[in-house]
């Protein structure tokens, strides 16, 4: 039992690496551009299908296919923001969300028209890496591919953190995220910063899609499920926090892995329950802080009932203790 629990914890942490890569781009979009790209999961699937086509139909090695695909997806993200999101954002908060819903539906049907509905995978193209493992004491099996994905997640998020802190582009993105109008007054082109953030987000989504195709299978309609996982990791880790996204991905992966010990159905449900619990906690926390703190946010009746209950319990305990002492004295 202990070995199974330890193995589930390890696998959950490694699974969190994939969720972190998938969610990092979404977190960047929420933190900088201030809206949720509901086609984010479909971008991941598109990156995976392009890579599968390059390797399967054209015979390009997997690593080279990824190197070719990522700049193409970055250009797609840049152009998509320039042609769609820039204009949609002028229409208020709701219009960009509606645009991404339509974009996601169009992408799903477009990928269906190009690639069909069959499941596709990169497992055969990466050879033994898809199943190669290290065997640890206690019967624990550690897959090499999940370890590579987790290490990649740490390196990618670390590199993105350094870029945002140390480079001119990163400082422009952070300034735009804090106050676009003030950034414009300082000579920063907020639209270019938004487009750069969108390009980075789509690139990260595509990279996650490649890892998804290596781990399992993808179809043109796999995007919405990946969007849900990415959104849950972002909310659990904290909106706009890159390292928080890694932590959120690990928590989500752990909850799913531990839930899988109960049953296959409980795996996804456990992750959703954790997400809902964290979401409720964050909403209540923000509401409580705005109302003077947790104690001030609770109704006064709560404290009155608590006071009465405590007095009853104390009185009952004292009465029993006194009665017990009197009984012992009489017996003596």
Protein backbone atom coordinates (compact mmCIF):
# COMPACT_ATOMS: atom_id res chain seq x y z
CA UNK A 1 0.00 0.00 0.00
CA UNK A 2 2.82 2.41 0.89
CA UNK A 3 4.61 1.67 -2.39
CA UNK A 4 1.43 2.34 -4.36
CA UNK A 5 0.89 5.63 -2.53
CA UNK A 6 4.49 6.73 -3.07
CA UNK A 7 4.30 5.81 -6.74
CA UNK A 8 1.07 7.78 -7.14
CA UNK A 9 2.68 10.83 -5.52
CA UNK A 10 5.69 10.65 -7.83
CA UNK A 11 3.55 10.20 -10.92
CA UNK A 12 1.29 13.06 -9.84
CA UNK A 13 4.22 15.44 -9.43
CA UNK A 14 5.58 14.51 -12.86
CA UNK A 15 2.13 14.91 -14.41
CA UNK A 16 2.06 18.39 -12.90
CA UNK A 17 4.98 19.31 -15.15
CA UNK A 18 2.82 18.82 -18.24
CA UNK A 19 -0.02 20.83 -16.72
CA UNK A 20 2.43 23.62 -15.83
CA UNK A 21 3.64 23.97 -19.44
CA UNK A 22 0.06 23.91 -20.68
CA UNK A 23 -1.09 26.49 -18.13
CA UNK A 24 1.90 28.86 -18.28
CA UNK A 25 0.75 30.43 -21.54
CA UNK A 26 -2.81 30.81 -20.28
CA UNK A 27 -1.50 32.41 -17.08
CA UNK A 28 0.56 34.86 -19.13
CA UNK A 29 -2.48 35.83 -21.20
CA UNK A 30 -4.59 36.36 -18.10
CA UNK A 31 -1.86 38.34 -16.35
CA UNK A 32 -0.86 40.57 -19.29
CA UNK A 33 -3.71 40.78 -21.80
CA UNK A 34 -6.40 40.39 -19.12
CA UNK A 35 -8.65 37.90 -20.84
CA UNK A 36 -8.94 34.13 -21.14
CA UNK A 37 -8.19 32.56 -24.51
CA UNK A 38 -10.76 29.78 -24.69
CA UNK A 39 -9.02 28.40 -27.80
CA UNK A 40 -5.84 27.73 -25.79
CA UNK A 41 -6.37 23.98 -25.73
CA UNK A 42 -7.04 23.91 -29.46
CA UNK A 43 -3.71 25.71 -30.01
CA UNK A 44 -2.03 22.86 -28.16
CA UNK A 45 -3.73 20.27 -30.36
CA UNK A 46 -2.83 22.20 -33.52
CA UNK A 47 0.84 22.22 -32.52
CA UNK A 48 0.71 18.49 -31.89
CA UNK A 49 -0.96 17.71 -35.22
CA UNK A 50 1.51 19.86 -37.17
CA UNK A 51 4.40 18.03 -35.52
CA UNK A 52 2.81 14.65 -36.24
CA UNK A 53 2.38 15.63 -39.89
CA UNK A 54 6.01 16.75 -40.20
CA UNK A 55 7.30 13.52 -38.69
CA UNK A 56 4.81 11.07 -40.21
CA UNK A 57 4.24 12.45 -43.70
CA UNK A 58 7.51 14.28 -44.40
CA UNK A 59 9.88 12.12 -42.39
CA UNK A 60 11.31 15.01 -40.37
CA UNK A 61 12.96 13.93 -37.08
CA UNK A 62 10.83 14.71 -34.03
CA UNK A 63 13.21 17.25 -32.48
CA UNK A 64 13.64 19.10 -35.78
CA UNK A 65 9.88 19.04 -36.34
CA UNK A 66 9.37 20.70 -32.95
CA UNK A 67 11.99 23.35 -33.81
CA UNK A 68 10.15 24.08 -37.07
CA UNK A 69 6.68 24.06 -35.52
CA UNK A 70 7.27 26.35 -32.52
CA UNK A 71 8.23 29.51 -34.52
CA UNK A 72 5.26 28.90 -36.80
CA UNK A 73 2.92 28.75 -33.81
CA UNK A 74 4.54 31.90 -32.36
CA UNK A 75 3.86 33.71 -35.64
CA UNK A 76 0.29 32.41 -35.56
CA UNK A 77 -0.17 33.76 -32.04
CA UNK A 78 1.25 37.15 -33.03
CA UNK A 79 -0.92 37.44 -36.12
CA UNK A 80 -4.00 36.13 -34.32
CA UNK A 81 -3.68 38.84 -31.70
CA UNK A 82 -3.02 41.55 -34.28
CA UNK A 83 -5.98 40.63 -36.47
CA UNK A 84 -8.51 39.36 -33.92
CA UNK A 85 -7.82 40.09 -30.28
CA UNK A 86 -6.67 43.72 -30.69
CA UNK A 87 -9.96 44.59 -32.33
CA UNK A 88 -12.06 42.43 -30.04
CA UNK A 89 -10.58 44.00 -26.90
CA UNK A 90 -11.93 47.38 -27.97
CA UNK A 91 -15.45 45.99 -27.59
CA UNK A 92 -15.24 45.37 -23.85
CA UNK A 93 -14.67 42.35 -21.66
CA UNK A 94 -17.19 39.95 -23.19
CA UNK A 95 -16.33 40.29 -26.89
CA UNK A 96 -12.81 38.73 -26.71
CA UNK A 97 -14.25 35.70 -24.92
CA UNK A 98 -16.90 35.27 -27.62
CA UNK A 99 -14.22 35.63 -30.29
CA UNK A 100 -12.08 32.89 -28.71
CA UNK A 101 -15.13 30.61 -28.47
CA UNK A 102 -15.74 31.04 -32.19
CA UNK A 103 -12.02 30.67 -32.92
CA UNK A 104 -11.89 27.41 -30.99
CA UNK A 105 -14.90 26.00 -32.84
CA UNK A 106 -13.42 27.04 -36.19
CA UNK A 107 -10.06 25.46 -35.32
CA UNK A 108 -11.67 22.19 -34.24
CA UNK A 109 -13.66 21.86 -37.44
CA UNK A 110 -10.70 22.98 -39.54
CA UNK A 111 -8.44 20.35 -37.96
CA UNK A 112 -11.17 17.77 -38.46
CA UNK A 113 -11.31 18.66 -42.14
CA UNK A 114 -7.53 18.42 -42.55
CA UNK A 115 -6.66 15.46 -40.33
CA UNK A 116 -9.94 13.62 -39.80
CA UNK A 117 -11.23 12.26 -36.52
CA UNK A 118 -8.72 9.46 -36.02
CA UNK A 119 -6.55 9.55 -32.93
CA UNK A 120 -2.89 10.36 -33.57
CA UNK A 121 0.25 10.04 -31.49
CA UNK A 122 3.99 10.68 -31.51
CA UNK A 123 4.66 7.58 -29.43
CA UNK A 124 5.95 5.55 -32.36
CA UNK A 125 8.17 8.42 -33.56
CA UNK A 126 10.07 8.81 -30.29
CA UNK A 127 10.87 5.12 -30.11
CA UNK A 128 11.80 3.61 -26.77
CA UNK A 129 11.46 6.96 -25.00
CA UNK A 130 7.68 6.46 -24.92
CA UNK A 131 8.03 3.46 -22.60
CA UNK A 132 11.61 3.61 -21.21
CA UNK A 133 11.67 3.75 -17.40
CA UNK A 134 13.90 3.61 -14.36
CA UNK A 135 13.07 0.89 -11.83
CA UNK A 136 13.45 2.17 -8.28
CA UNK A 137 13.46 0.17 -5.04
CA UNK A 138 10.04 -0.89 -3.79
CA UNK A 139 8.72 -1.65 -7.27
CA UNK A 140 8.38 2.03 -8.21
CA UNK A 141 8.61 2.69 -11.96
CA UNK A 142 9.81 6.14 -13.05
CA UNK A 143 9.17 6.91 -16.71
CA UNK A 144 11.91 8.81 -18.54
CA UNK A 145 9.47 10.83 -20.66
CA UNK A 146 7.51 12.23 -17.66
CA UNK A 147 10.83 13.22 -16.05
CA UNK A 148 11.90 14.99 -19.25
CA UNK A 149 8.58 16.81 -19.40
CA UNK A 150 8.85 17.92 -15.77
CA UNK A 151 12.44 19.14 -16.20
CA UNK A 152 11.37 20.98 -19.35
CA UNK A 153 8.54 22.63 -17.41
CA UNK A 154 10.93 23.91 -14.74
CA UNK A 155 13.40 25.16 -17.37
CA UNK A 156 10.71 26.83 -19.48
CA UNK A 157 9.08 28.60 -16.54
CA UNK A 158 12.49 29.60 -15.19
CA UNK A 159 13.54 30.98 -18.58
CA UNK A 160 10.24 32.84 -18.92
CA UNK A 161 10.69 34.30 -15.43
CA UNK A 162 14.20 35.51 -16.29
CA UNK A 163 12.98 36.95 -19.59
CA UNK A 164 10.23 38.91 -17.87
CA UNK A 165 12.67 40.26 -15.27
CA UNK A 166 15.86 40.88 -17.21
CA UNK A 167 15.02 41.68 -20.84
CA UNK A 168 13.61 44.80 -22.44
CA UNK A 169 10.69 42.84 -23.86
CA UNK A 170 9.96 41.30 -20.48
CA UNK A 171 9.96 44.66 -18.73
CA UNK A 172 7.64 46.02 -21.41
CA UNK A 173 5.27 43.10 -20.91
CA UNK A 174 5.25 43.57 -17.12
CA UNK A 175 4.74 47.32 -17.43
CA UNK A 176 1.85 46.78 -19.82
CA UNK A 177 0.34 44.23 -17.45
CA UNK A 178 0.50 46.70 -14.55
CA UNK A 179 -0.85 49.79 -16.33
CA UNK A 180 -1.15 49.89 -20.15
CA UNK A 181 -1.87 53.63 -20.25
CA UNK A 182 1.13 54.51 -18.06
CA UNK A 183 3.30 52.19 -20.15
CA UNK A 184 2.19 53.99 -23.31
CA UNK A 185 3.15 57.33 -21.73
CA UNK A 186 6.64 55.92 -21.06
CA UNK A 187 7.11 55.03 -24.72
CA UNK A 188 6.09 51.37 -24.57
CA UNK A 189 3.87 50.06 -27.34
CA UNK A 190 1.23 48.15 -25.35
CA UNK A 191 -0.18 46.50 -28.46
CA UNK A 192 3.21 45.06 -29.39
CA UNK A 193 3.64 43.80 -25.81
CA UNK A 194 0.24 42.12 -25.96
CA UNK A 195 1.10 40.50 -29.29
CA UNK A 196 4.41 39.23 -27.90
CA UNK A 197 2.62 37.76 -24.87
CA UNK A 198 0.11 36.06 -27.17
CA UNK A 199 2.94 34.63 -29.30
CA UNK A 200 4.66 33.22 -26.21
CA UNK A 201 1.38 31.78 -24.90
CA UNK A 202 0.58 29.99 -28.15
CA UNK A 203 4.15 28.66 -28.36
CA UNK A 204 3.91 27.20 -24.85
CA UNK A 205 0.52 25.68 -25.67
CA UNK A 206 1.98 24.06 -28.79
CA UNK A 207 4.91 22.66 -26.80
CA UNK A 208 2.46 21.17 -24.30
CA UNK A 209 0.49 19.69 -27.18
CA UNK A 210 3.62 17.92 -28.45
CA UNK A 211 4.20 16.40 -25.02
CA UNK A 212 0.54 15.35 -24.92
CA UNK A 213 0.99 13.53 -28.24
CA UNK A 214 4.10 11.85 -26.86
CA UNK A 215 2.35 10.74 -23.69
CA UNK A 216 -0.87 9.60 -25.33
CA UNK A 217 -3.13 10.39 -28.27
CA UNK A 218 -4.79 13.51 -29.64
CA UNK A 219 -7.80 14.22 -31.84
CA UNK A 220 -9.03 17.51 -33.32
CA UNK A 221 -11.50 17.73 -30.45
CA UNK A 222 -9.05 17.17 -27.57
CA UNK A 223 -8.61 20.91 -26.98
CA UNK A 224 -11.48 21.74 -24.59
CA UNK A 225 -10.39 19.10 -22.07
CA UNK A 226 -6.85 20.51 -22.09
CA UNK A 227 -8.24 24.02 -21.62
CA UNK A 228 -10.05 22.86 -18.47
CA UNK A 229 -6.85 21.36 -17.02
CA UNK A 230 -4.89 24.52 -17.84
CA UNK A 231 -7.53 26.77 -16.29
CA UNK A 232 -7.67 24.65 -13.14
CA UNK A 233 -3.87 24.79 -12.74
CA UNK A 234 -3.90 28.58 -13.19
CA UNK A 235 -6.63 29.08 -10.59
CA UNK A 236 -5.04 26.71 -8.08
CA UNK A 237 -1.61 28.30 -8.47
CA UNK A 238 -2.81 31.90 -8.61
CA UNK A 239 -3.73 34.10 -11.57
CA UNK A 240 -0.71 35.63 -13.29
CA UNK A 241 1.91 33.73 -11.25
CA UNK A 242 4.29 31.59 -13.32
CA UNK A 243 5.82 29.64 -10.44
CA UNK A 244 2.36 29.43 -8.94
CA UNK A 245 1.30 27.78 -12.19
CA UNK A 246 3.94 25.10 -11.63
CA UNK A 247 2.68 24.56 -8.08
CA UNK A 248 -0.92 24.51 -9.30
CA UNK A 249 -0.05 21.96 -11.96
CA UNK A 250 1.65 19.75 -9.38
CA UNK A 251 -1.34 19.99 -7.01
CA UNK A 252 -3.71 19.13 -9.86
CA UNK A 253 -1.53 16.23 -10.96
CA UNK A 254 -1.23 14.94 -7.40
CA UNK A 255 -4.98 15.10 -6.82
CA UNK A 256 -5.68 13.20 -10.04
CA UNK A 257 -3.00 10.60 -9.36
CA UNK A 258 -4.14 10.00 -5.77
CA UNK A 259 -7.76 9.91 -6.89
CA UNK A 260 -6.80 7.22 -9.36
CA UNK A 261 -5.99 4.96 -6.41
CA UNK A 262 -9.71 4.95 -5.63
CA UNK A 263 -10.99 4.36 -9.16
CA UNK A 264 -10.36 5.48 -12.72
CA UNK A 265 -13.42 7.74 -12.59
CA UNK A 266 -12.30 9.34 -9.33
CA UNK A 267 -9.06 10.52 -10.92
CA UNK A 268 -10.54 13.44 -12.85
CA UNK A 269 -13.25 14.07 -10.26
CA UNK A 270 -10.69 14.54 -7.51
CA UNK A 271 -8.87 17.16 -9.57
CA UNK A 272 -12.13 19.00 -10.22
CA UNK A 273 -13.06 18.91 -6.52
CA UNK A 274 -9.68 20.37 -5.55
CA UNK A 275 -10.15 23.12 -8.13
CA UNK A 276 -13.64 23.94 -6.85
CA UNK A 277 -12.42 23.98 -3.25
CA UNK A 278 -9.55 26.35 -4.04
CA UNK A 279 -11.85 28.56 -6.11
CA UNK A 280 -14.39 28.83 -3.28
CA UNK A 281 -11.59 29.57 -0.81
CA UNK A 282 -10.14 32.34 -2.99
CA UNK A 283 -13.55 33.92 -3.54
CA UNK A 284 -14.35 33.85 0.18
CA UNK A 285 -10.89 35.11 1.10
CA UNK A 286 -11.19 38.13 -1.20
CA UNK A 287 -14.69 38.85 0.07
CA UNK A 288 -13.60 38.53 3.70
CA UNK A 289 -10.61 40.84 3.25
CA UNK A 290 -12.85 43.47 1.66
CA UNK A 291 -15.16 43.26 4.69
CA UNK A 292 -12.53 43.78 7.37
CA UNK A 293 -11.05 40.31 7.73
CA UNK A 294 -12.27 36.78 8.33
CA UNK A 295 -13.72 37.42 11.79
CA UNK A 296 -15.52 40.56 10.69
CA UNK A 297 -16.95 38.75 7.66
CA UNK A 298 -18.63 36.12 9.80
CA UNK A 299 -22.11 36.97 11.07
CA UNK A 300 -22.42 38.03 14.71
CA UNK A 301 -24.90 35.22 15.32
CA UNK A 302 -22.10 32.78 14.60
CA UNK A 303 -20.07 34.08 17.54
CA UNK A 304 -23.10 34.08 19.83
CA UNK A 305 -23.89 30.45 18.99
CA UNK A 306 -20.23 29.54 19.38
CA UNK A 307 -20.11 31.22 22.80
CA UNK A 308 -23.24 29.39 23.98
CA UNK A 309 -21.94 26.03 22.71
CA UNK A 310 -18.55 26.48 24.39
CA UNK A 311 -20.22 27.42 27.69
CA UNK A 312 -22.42 24.31 27.54
CA UNK A 313 -19.47 22.05 26.83
CA UNK A 314 -17.35 23.59 29.60
CA UNK A 315 -20.23 23.40 32.08
CA UNK A 316 -20.87 19.75 31.20
CA UNK A 317 -17.20 18.82 31.57
CA UNK A 318 -16.87 20.64 34.91
CA UNK A 319 -20.08 19.04 36.24
CA UNK A 320 -18.86 15.56 35.34
CA UNK A 321 -15.46 16.22 36.90
CA UNK A 322 -17.00 17.47 40.14
CA UNK A 323 -19.43 14.54 40.31
CA UNK A 324 -16.59 12.09 39.73
CA UNK A 325 -14.53 13.70 42.47
CA UNK A 326 -17.44 13.60 44.95
CA UNK A 327 -18.08 9.92 44.16
CA UNK A 328 -14.44 9.03 44.80
CA UNK A 329 -14.49 10.96 48.08
CA UNK A 330 -17.64 9.19 49.29
CA UNK A 331 -16.14 5.78 48.44
CA UNK A 332 -12.99 6.65 50.32
